[in-house]
Amino acid sequence: MNLFDLSGKTAVIIGGNSTLGGTMAVALGGHGAKVAVVGRNQEKAREVQKRIEEAGGEAHCFEADATSENDLRRVLTEVLAWSGSVDILMNCPGKNSATPFFDITMEEWDSIMEVNLKSVVLACQVFGKHMVEAGKGGSIINISSVSSDPPLSKVFTYSASKAAVNNVTQFLAREFAPARVRVNAIIPGFFPAEQNRKILSPERVESIMRHTPMNRFGEAEELQGAAVFLASEKASSFVTGSIVRVDGGFGAMTI
């Protein structure tokens, strides 16, 4: 158990009020980390906080727009006042759309890119800089998608944004390595959640199952192991720049 002990660490979960982000936040809290649940929807954030506390962990909610640098800088100050450190950063915001390519407006493009990519870059600038300068090492975990490589049909902008997240992850892994700040990403497979249910038609579900060797959707709790592994400096001390798949074999399929 010591291999996955996060006691004494503070984890900042951007988008911790989401289904998948909240479930991973609970796992980090359950392994001893103090968890800062960051998001705009404070009602959902408080629900995650309650789950962490019921599991014996410690958590606090912080309201912020993940695409606002000012908000993130304020949250950094608030988290440091609350816990004294930031050791783990997880970036979970996500926005999707099934708009056909020729109908995509630049307004929609910018909106999705802001949530999926800009938020990651800003959080890594704000919290990552603190972690690098603190000199204690740390772990940054970005949430990518199976649509990042190769891209999925019907979600052009989303796929492009998540491909960029992979690139940013590996770039920063190289840049932050001298400071012992590891940067990795998790690629979830298909975990039906609020943002993607609208594009899961029966035909699309059938296609997904044909390309998923395990022939089922993932359960949010099945992301917890990867999150705790990457967060732990003991378990993943030599892991950086990795894109970890939790996808039921989807990425291994061709025909």
Protein backbone atom coordinates (compact mmCIF):
# COMPACT_ATOMS: atom_id res chain seq x y z
CA MET A 1 0.00 0.00 0.00
CA ASN A 2 2.92 2.37 0.62
CA LEU A 3 3.61 2.32 -3.11
CA PHE A 4 0.36 4.22 -3.67
CA ASP A 5 0.31 6.31 -0.51
CA LEU A 6 -0.44 9.97 -1.29
CA SER A 7 -0.40 11.18 2.30
CA GLY A 8 1.03 14.66 2.68
CA LYS A 9 0.27 15.53 -0.94
CA THR A 10 -2.23 18.07 -2.25
CA ALA A 11 -4.03 17.31 -5.50
CA VAL A 12 -5.71 20.02 -7.57
CA ILE A 13 -8.39 18.58 -9.84
CA ILE A 14 -9.46 21.06 -12.52
CA GLY A 15 -12.91 19.91 -13.61
CA GLY A 16 -13.18 17.85 -10.45
CA ASN A 17 -16.92 18.41 -10.48
CA SER A 18 -17.31 16.26 -13.63
CA THR A 19 -18.26 12.57 -13.64
CA LEU A 20 -14.83 11.20 -14.48
CA GLY A 21 -12.84 13.96 -12.75
CA GLY A 22 -14.87 13.54 -9.58
CA THR A 23 -14.41 9.80 -9.50
CA MET A 24 -10.63 10.13 -9.89
CA ALA A 25 -10.62 12.86 -7.23
CA VAL A 26 -12.29 10.44 -4.82
CA ALA A 27 -9.56 7.87 -5.51
CA LEU A 28 -6.76 10.34 -4.81
CA GLY A 29 -8.47 11.42 -1.60
CA GLY A 30 -8.92 7.81 -0.59
CA HIS A 31 -5.17 7.27 -0.87
CA GLY A 32 -4.36 10.15 1.44
CA ALA A 33 -4.13 13.26 -0.74
CA LYS A 34 -5.83 16.49 0.25
CA VAL A 35 -8.04 17.26 -2.75
CA ALA A 36 -8.89 20.67 -4.16
CA VAL A 37 -12.01 20.21 -6.27
CA VAL A 38 -12.02 23.02 -8.85
CA GLY A 39 -14.92 23.84 -11.16
CA ARG A 40 -17.67 26.27 -12.05
CA ASN A 41 -20.55 24.10 -10.84
CA GLN A 42 -20.09 24.29 -7.08
CA GLU A 43 -23.12 22.16 -6.32
CA LYS A 44 -21.52 19.22 -8.11
CA ALA A 45 -18.13 20.09 -6.63
CA ARG A 46 -19.59 19.88 -3.13
CA GLU A 47 -21.03 16.46 -3.97
CA VAL A 48 -17.53 15.28 -4.87
CA GLN A 49 -16.16 16.83 -1.68
CA LYS A 50 -18.78 14.93 0.33
CA ARG A 51 -17.84 11.63 -1.35
CA ILE A 52 -14.17 12.21 -0.53
CA GLU A 53 -14.94 13.06 3.09
CA GLU A 54 -17.25 10.05 3.46
CA ALA A 55 -14.34 7.89 2.31
CA GLY A 56 -12.18 9.37 5.07
CA GLY A 57 -10.34 11.94 2.95
CA GLU A 58 -9.98 15.71 3.12
CA ALA A 59 -11.22 18.05 0.40
CA HIS A 60 -12.22 21.62 -0.31
CA CYS A 61 -14.08 23.23 -3.22
CA PHE A 62 -12.78 26.14 -5.27
CA GLU A 63 -14.85 27.95 -7.88
CA ALA A 64 -13.14 28.80 -11.17
CA ASP A 65 -13.53 29.00 -14.92
CA ALA A 66 -10.76 26.72 -16.20
CA THR A 67 -10.24 28.96 -19.23
CA SER A 68 -9.58 32.05 -17.09
CA GLU A 69 -5.96 32.70 -16.14
CA ASN A 70 -7.07 35.12 -13.42
CA ASP A 71 -9.36 32.50 -11.90
CA LEU A 72 -6.63 29.88 -11.89
CA ARG A 73 -4.10 32.24 -10.31
CA ARG A 74 -6.63 33.08 -7.60
CA VAL A 75 -7.28 29.39 -6.97
CA LEU A 76 -3.55 28.70 -6.69
CA THR A 77 -3.32 31.35 -3.97
CA GLU A 78 -6.38 29.93 -2.21
CA VAL A 79 -5.13 26.34 -2.38
CA LEU A 80 -1.73 27.33 -0.98
CA ALA A 81 -3.45 29.15 1.88
CA TRP A 82 -5.55 26.05 2.54
CA SER A 83 -2.94 23.31 2.23
CA GLY A 84 0.46 24.91 1.78
CA SER A 85 1.44 23.03 -1.39
CA VAL A 86 0.43 21.73 -4.80
CA ASP A 87 1.91 18.33 -5.59
CA ILE A 88 -0.53 16.85 -8.10
CA LEU A 89 -2.45 18.57 -10.89
CA MET A 90 -5.13 16.81 -12.91
CA ASN A 91 -6.76 18.53 -15.90
CA CYS A 92 -10.22 17.14 -16.62
CA PRO A 93 -12.31 19.83 -18.40
CA GLY A 94 -14.03 18.63 -21.56
CA LYS A 95 -16.41 19.87 -24.22
CA ASN A 96 -17.64 18.04 -27.31
CA SER A 97 -19.84 18.52 -30.34
CA ALA A 98 -20.98 16.33 -33.22
CA THR A 99 -21.30 19.19 -35.72
CA PRO A 100 -20.53 18.12 -39.33
CA PHE A 101 -17.23 19.56 -40.56
CA PHE A 102 -18.68 22.04 -43.08
CA ASP A 103 -21.07 23.36 -40.44
CA ILE A 104 -18.45 24.03 -37.75
CA THR A 105 -18.30 27.72 -36.96
CA MET A 106 -15.19 29.39 -35.63
CA GLU A 107 -17.22 30.31 -32.56
CA GLU A 108 -17.79 26.62 -31.85
CA TRP A 109 -14.18 25.78 -32.71
CA ASP A 110 -12.86 28.41 -30.30
CA SER A 111 -15.25 27.33 -27.55
CA ILE A 112 -14.16 23.68 -27.66
CA MET A 113 -10.49 24.53 -28.02
CA GLU A 114 -10.73 26.88 -25.03
CA VAL A 115 -12.19 24.22 -22.75
CA ASN A 116 -10.17 21.23 -23.96
CA LEU A 117 -6.79 22.77 -24.76
CA LYS A 118 -6.46 26.32 -23.45
CA SER A 119 -7.50 25.20 -19.96
CA VAL A 120 -4.74 22.56 -19.92
CA VAL A 121 -2.09 25.03 -21.09
CA LEU A 122 -3.17 27.66 -18.55
CA ALA A 123 -3.29 25.22 -15.65
CA CYS A 124 0.15 23.88 -16.53
CA GLN A 125 1.48 27.44 -16.69
CA VAL A 126 -0.07 28.53 -13.40
CA PHE A 127 0.17 25.41 -11.23
CA GLY A 128 3.04 23.83 -13.16
CA LYS A 129 5.22 26.89 -12.65
CA HIS A 130 4.59 26.74 -8.92
CA MET A 131 5.46 23.03 -8.84
CA VAL A 132 8.67 23.54 -10.84
CA GLU A 133 9.79 26.49 -8.70
CA ALA A 134 8.90 24.74 -5.42
CA GLY A 135 11.58 22.16 -6.21
CA LYS A 136 9.72 19.22 -4.63
CA GLY A 137 8.78 17.41 -7.84
CA GLY A 138 5.20 16.46 -8.59
CA SER A 139 2.79 14.94 -11.06
CA ILE A 140 0.62 16.50 -13.75
CA ILE A 141 -2.05 14.29 -15.31
CA ASN A 142 -3.93 15.46 -18.39
CA ILE A 143 -7.08 13.73 -19.60
CA SER A 144 -6.93 12.97 -23.32
CA SER A 145 -9.27 10.82 -25.43
CA VAL A 146 -9.34 7.84 -27.77
CA SER A 147 -10.27 10.39 -30.42
CA SER A 148 -6.79 11.91 -30.27
CA ASP A 149 -5.08 9.23 -32.38
CA PRO A 150 -6.55 8.28 -34.75
CA PRO A 151 -9.36 10.86 -34.82
CA LEU A 152 -12.93 9.68 -34.44
CA SER A 153 -15.62 10.49 -36.96
CA LYS A 154 -18.18 13.22 -36.17
CA VAL A 155 -16.10 14.98 -33.50
CA PHE A 156 -13.58 16.93 -35.58
CA THR A 157 -12.80 19.79 -33.20
CA TYR A 158 -12.78 17.57 -30.13
CA SER A 159 -10.36 15.15 -31.79
CA ALA A 160 -8.03 17.96 -32.83
CA SER A 161 -8.05 19.44 -29.33
CA LYS A 162 -7.23 16.12 -27.67
CA ALA A 163 -4.43 15.40 -30.15
CA ALA A 164 -2.96 18.74 -29.07
CA VAL A 165 -3.30 17.71 -25.41
CA ASN A 166 -1.12 14.67 -26.12
CA ASN A 167 1.47 16.91 -27.78
CA VAL A 168 1.44 19.40 -24.89
CA THR A 169 1.78 16.53 -22.41
CA GLN A 170 4.91 15.16 -24.04
CA PHE A 171 6.40 18.61 -24.61
CA LEU A 172 6.02 19.55 -20.95
CA ALA A 173 7.28 16.15 -19.80
CA ARG A 174 10.56 17.06 -21.45
CA GLU A 175 10.56 20.63 -20.15
CA PHE A 176 9.65 19.83 -16.54
CA ALA A 177 11.75 16.68 -16.10
CA PRO A 178 14.79 18.48 -14.62
CA ALA A 179 12.53 19.71 -11.81
CA ARG A 180 11.18 16.17 -11.23
CA VAL A 181 7.69 17.23 -12.26
CA ARG A 182 6.29 14.35 -14.27
CA VAL A 183 3.68 15.02 -16.97
CA ASN A 184 1.51 12.21 -18.32
CA ALA A 185 -1.92 11.74 -19.85
CA ILE A 186 -4.71 9.22 -19.51
CA ILE A 187 -6.72 8.19 -22.55
CA PRO A 188 -10.12 6.99 -21.36
CA GLY A 189 -12.05 4.76 -23.70
CA PHE A 190 -15.80 5.15 -23.89
CA PHE A 191 -17.20 6.10 -20.50
CA PRO A 192 -20.75 7.39 -21.09
CA ALA A 193 -20.91 10.75 -19.34
CA GLU A 194 -22.89 13.95 -19.61
CA GLN A 195 -20.82 15.47 -22.42
CA ASN A 196 -20.83 12.49 -24.82
CA ARG A 197 -24.25 10.91 -24.38
CA LYS A 198 -25.68 13.23 -27.03
CA ILE A 199 -23.57 11.60 -29.76
CA LEU A 200 -24.09 8.00 -28.65
CA SER A 201 -26.79 6.93 -31.08
CA PRO A 202 -27.60 3.19 -31.26
CA GLU A 203 -25.62 2.95 -34.51
CA ARG A 204 -22.60 4.62 -32.96
CA VAL A 205 -22.79 2.41 -29.87
CA GLU A 206 -22.79 -0.65 -32.15
CA SER A 207 -19.73 0.68 -33.98
CA ILE A 208 -17.92 1.37 -30.69
CA MET A 209 -18.60 -2.14 -29.43
CA ARG A 210 -17.25 -3.64 -32.68
CA HIS A 211 -14.00 -1.78 -32.04
CA THR A 212 -13.75 -2.50 -28.30
CA PRO A 213 -12.37 -6.00 -27.64
CA MET A 214 -13.86 -6.03 -24.13
CA ASN A 215 -17.26 -5.32 -25.75
CA ARG A 216 -18.57 -2.89 -23.14
CA PHE A 217 -18.36 0.68 -21.93
CA GLY A 218 -15.99 1.58 -19.13
CA GLU A 219 -17.08 2.36 -15.59
CA ALA A 220 -15.77 5.61 -14.12
CA GLU A 221 -14.14 3.72 -11.24
CA GLU A 222 -11.95 1.89 -13.75
CA LEU A 223 -9.96 5.10 -14.24
CA GLN A 224 -9.02 5.33 -10.58
CA GLY A 225 -6.10 2.90 -10.72
CA ALA A 226 -4.35 4.77 -13.52
CA ALA A 227 -4.92 8.09 -11.76
CA VAL A 228 -3.47 6.90 -8.46
CA PHE A 229 -0.53 5.21 -10.22
CA LEU A 230 0.44 8.35 -12.13
CA ALA A 231 -0.09 10.57 -9.08
CA SER A 232 2.20 8.50 -6.86
CA GLU A 233 5.85 9.49 -6.97
CA LYS A 234 6.69 6.06 -5.58
CA ALA A 235 4.73 3.98 -8.07
CA SER A 236 5.52 6.00 -11.21
CA SER A 237 8.74 7.83 -10.37
CA PHE A 238 10.30 7.04 -13.78
CA VAL A 239 7.13 7.58 -15.82
CA THR A 240 6.81 10.84 -17.73
CA GLY A 241 5.63 11.72 -21.22
CA SER A 242 3.43 8.61 -21.27
CA ILE A 243 -0.06 8.38 -22.72
CA VAL A 244 -1.78 5.68 -20.67
CA ARG A 245 -4.76 3.97 -22.28
CA VAL A 246 -7.73 2.80 -20.22
CA ASP A 247 -9.93 1.89 -23.16
CA GLY A 248 -10.91 -1.78 -23.11
CA GLY A 249 -8.56 -2.45 -26.01
CA PHE A 250 -10.07 0.16 -28.37
CA GLY A 251 -6.63 1.48 -29.36
CA ALA A 252 -5.44 -2.04 -30.24
CA MET A 253 -8.13 -2.63 -32.89
CA THR A 254 -7.72 -2.23 -36.62
CA ILE A 255 -10.14 -4.49 -38.48
